[in-house]
Amino acid sequence: MSTVAEITNALPQLSTEELQNIERALISIYRQRRTGIIYDDAYGVWTEEDQIAAADQVFALLDAEEQRQKKARTP
């Protein structure tokens, strides 16, 4: 089993405090590597992956609304 799979499988068993520690460690690594970060401030980082995920959610909502409107116009 790969290290990434092992970590992913272990995450649900961790406490909130442990997850927060991991989050801080990941943010620190992102900052050190200076890759993928779009926005970085005292509240944390906003990465390219965050941006893509947010855009995907918006497009899904827009698509659903468009479908709803099409159905409403159809007699």
C-alpha atoms as a PDB file:
ATOM      1  CA  MET A   1       0.000   0.000   0.000  1.00  0.00           C
ATOM      2  CA  SER A   2       1.292   3.451  -0.818  1.00  0.00           C
ATOM      3  CA  THR A   3       2.108   6.064   1.805  1.00  0.00           C
ATOM      4  CA  VAL A   4      -0.577   8.404   0.443  1.00  0.00           C
ATOM      5  CA  ALA A   5      -3.231   5.685   0.733  1.00  0.00           C
ATOM      6  CA  GLU A   6      -2.115   4.859   4.268  1.00  0.00           C
ATOM      7  CA  ILE A   7      -2.315   8.517   5.307  1.00  0.00           C
ATOM      8  CA  THR A   8      -5.707   8.968   3.642  1.00  0.00           C
ATOM      9  CA  ASN A   9      -7.073   5.884   5.389  1.00  0.00           C
ATOM     10  CA  ALA A  10      -5.761   7.044   8.769  1.00  0.00           C
ATOM     11  CA  LEU A  11      -7.220  10.578   8.620  1.00  0.00           C
ATOM     12  CA  PRO A  12     -10.801   9.703   9.699  1.00  0.00           C
ATOM     13  CA  GLN A  13      -9.513   8.194  12.951  1.00  0.00           C
ATOM     14  CA  LEU A  14      -7.588  11.306  13.964  1.00  0.00           C
ATOM     15  CA  SER A  15      -8.900  13.832  16.463  1.00  0.00           C
ATOM     16  CA  THR A  16      -9.766  17.356  15.423  1.00  0.00           C
ATOM     17  CA  GLU A  17      -6.606  18.618  17.107  1.00  0.00           C
ATOM     18  CA  GLU A  18      -4.491  16.099  15.207  1.00  0.00           C
ATOM     19  CA  LEU A  19      -6.133  17.093  11.920  1.00  0.00           C
ATOM     20  CA  GLN A  20      -5.458  20.763  12.678  1.00  0.00           C
ATOM     21  CA  ASN A  21      -1.792  19.934  13.306  1.00  0.00           C
ATOM     22  CA  ILE A  22      -1.619  18.148   9.953  1.00  0.00           C
ATOM     23  CA  GLU A  23      -3.295  21.096   8.236  1.00  0.00           C
ATOM     24  CA  ARG A  24      -0.727  23.490   9.722  1.00  0.00           C
ATOM     25  CA  ALA A  25       2.102  21.197   8.596  1.00  0.00           C
ATOM     26  CA  LEU A  26       0.727  21.037   5.047  1.00  0.00           C
ATOM     27  CA  ILE A  27       0.320  24.807   4.857  1.00  0.00           C
ATOM     28  CA  SER A  28       3.884  25.212   6.067  1.00  0.00           C
ATOM     29  CA  ILE A  29       5.127  22.850   3.352  1.00  0.00           C
ATOM     30  CA  TYR A  30       3.124  24.700   0.680  1.00  0.00           C
ATOM     31  CA  ARG A  31       4.662  27.972   1.851  1.00  0.00           C
ATOM     32  CA  GLN A  32       8.193  26.550   1.824  1.00  0.00           C
ATOM     33  CA  ARG A  33       7.753  25.141  -1.668  1.00  0.00           C
ATOM     34  CA  ARG A  34       6.016  28.259  -2.957  1.00  0.00           C
ATOM     35  CA  THR A  35       4.057  26.163  -5.447  1.00  0.00           C
ATOM     36  CA  GLY A  36       0.362  26.081  -6.076  1.00  0.00           C
ATOM     37  CA  ILE A  37      -0.452  28.943  -3.716  1.00  0.00           C
ATOM     38  CA  ILE A  38      -2.704  31.649  -5.105  1.00  0.00           C
ATOM     39  CA  TYR A  39      -3.348  33.529  -1.864  1.00  0.00           C
ATOM     40  CA  ASP A  40      -1.568  33.372   1.493  1.00  0.00           C
ATOM     41  CA  ASP A  41      -2.436  35.330   4.635  1.00  0.00           C
ATOM     42  CA  ALA A  42      -2.875  34.898   8.387  1.00  0.00           C
ATOM     43  CA  TYR A  43      -5.993  32.781   7.808  1.00  0.00           C
ATOM     44  CA  GLY A  44      -4.190  30.226   5.676  1.00  0.00           C
ATOM     45  CA  VAL A  45      -3.525  29.535   2.040  1.00  0.00           C
ATOM     46  CA  TRP A  46      -5.748  29.304  -1.034  1.00  0.00           C
ATOM     47  CA  THR A  47      -4.264  26.867  -3.512  1.00  0.00           C
ATOM     48  CA  GLU A  48      -4.836  26.129  -7.170  1.00  0.00           C
ATOM     49  CA  GLU A  49      -6.657  22.969  -6.055  1.00  0.00           C
ATOM     50  CA  ASP A  50      -8.962  25.033  -3.819  1.00  0.00           C
ATOM     51  CA  GLN A  51      -9.696  27.357  -6.739  1.00  0.00           C
ATOM     52  CA  ILE A  52     -10.502  24.468  -9.076  1.00  0.00           C
ATOM     53  CA  ALA A  53     -12.756  22.798  -6.507  1.00  0.00           C
ATOM     54  CA  ALA A  54     -14.642  26.048  -5.879  1.00  0.00           C
ATOM     55  CA  ALA A  55     -15.091  26.629  -9.605  1.00  0.00           C
ATOM     56  CA  ASP A  56     -16.362  23.066 -10.057  1.00  0.00           C
ATOM     57  CA  GLN A  57     -18.986  23.647  -7.367  1.00  0.00           C
ATOM     58  CA  VAL A  58     -20.129  26.905  -8.966  1.00  0.00           C
ATOM     59  CA  PHE A  59     -20.362  25.359 -12.431  1.00  0.00           C
ATOM     60  CA  ALA A  60     -22.356  22.419 -11.036  1.00  0.00           C
ATOM     61  CA  LEU A  61     -24.816  24.858  -9.435  1.00  0.00           C
ATOM     62  CA  LEU A  62     -25.094  26.855 -12.646  1.00  0.00           C
ATOM     63  CA  ASP A  63     -25.696  23.691 -14.676  1.00  0.00           C
ATOM     64  CA  ALA A  64     -28.387  22.530 -12.241  1.00  0.00           C
ATOM     65  CA  GLU A  65     -30.097  25.936 -12.383  1.00  0.00           C
ATOM     66  CA  GLU A  66     -29.977  25.935 -16.164  1.00  0.00           C
ATOM     67  CA  GLN A  67     -31.593  22.489 -16.242  1.00  0.00           C
ATOM     68  CA  ARG A  68     -34.246  23.625 -13.753  1.00  0.00           C
ATOM     69  CA  GLN A  69     -35.067  26.648 -15.893  1.00  0.00           C
ATOM     70  CA  LYS A  70     -35.284  24.519 -19.053  1.00  0.00           C
ATOM     71  CA  LYS A  71     -37.756  22.180 -17.340  1.00  0.00           C
ATOM     72  CA  ALA A  72     -39.814  25.138 -16.097  1.00  0.00           C
ATOM     73  CA  ARG A  73     -40.098  26.517 -19.661  1.00  0.00           C
ATOM     74  CA  THR A  74     -41.089  23.178 -21.174  1.00  0.00           C
ATOM     75  CA  PRO A  75     -44.900  22.797 -21.337  1.00  0.00           C
END
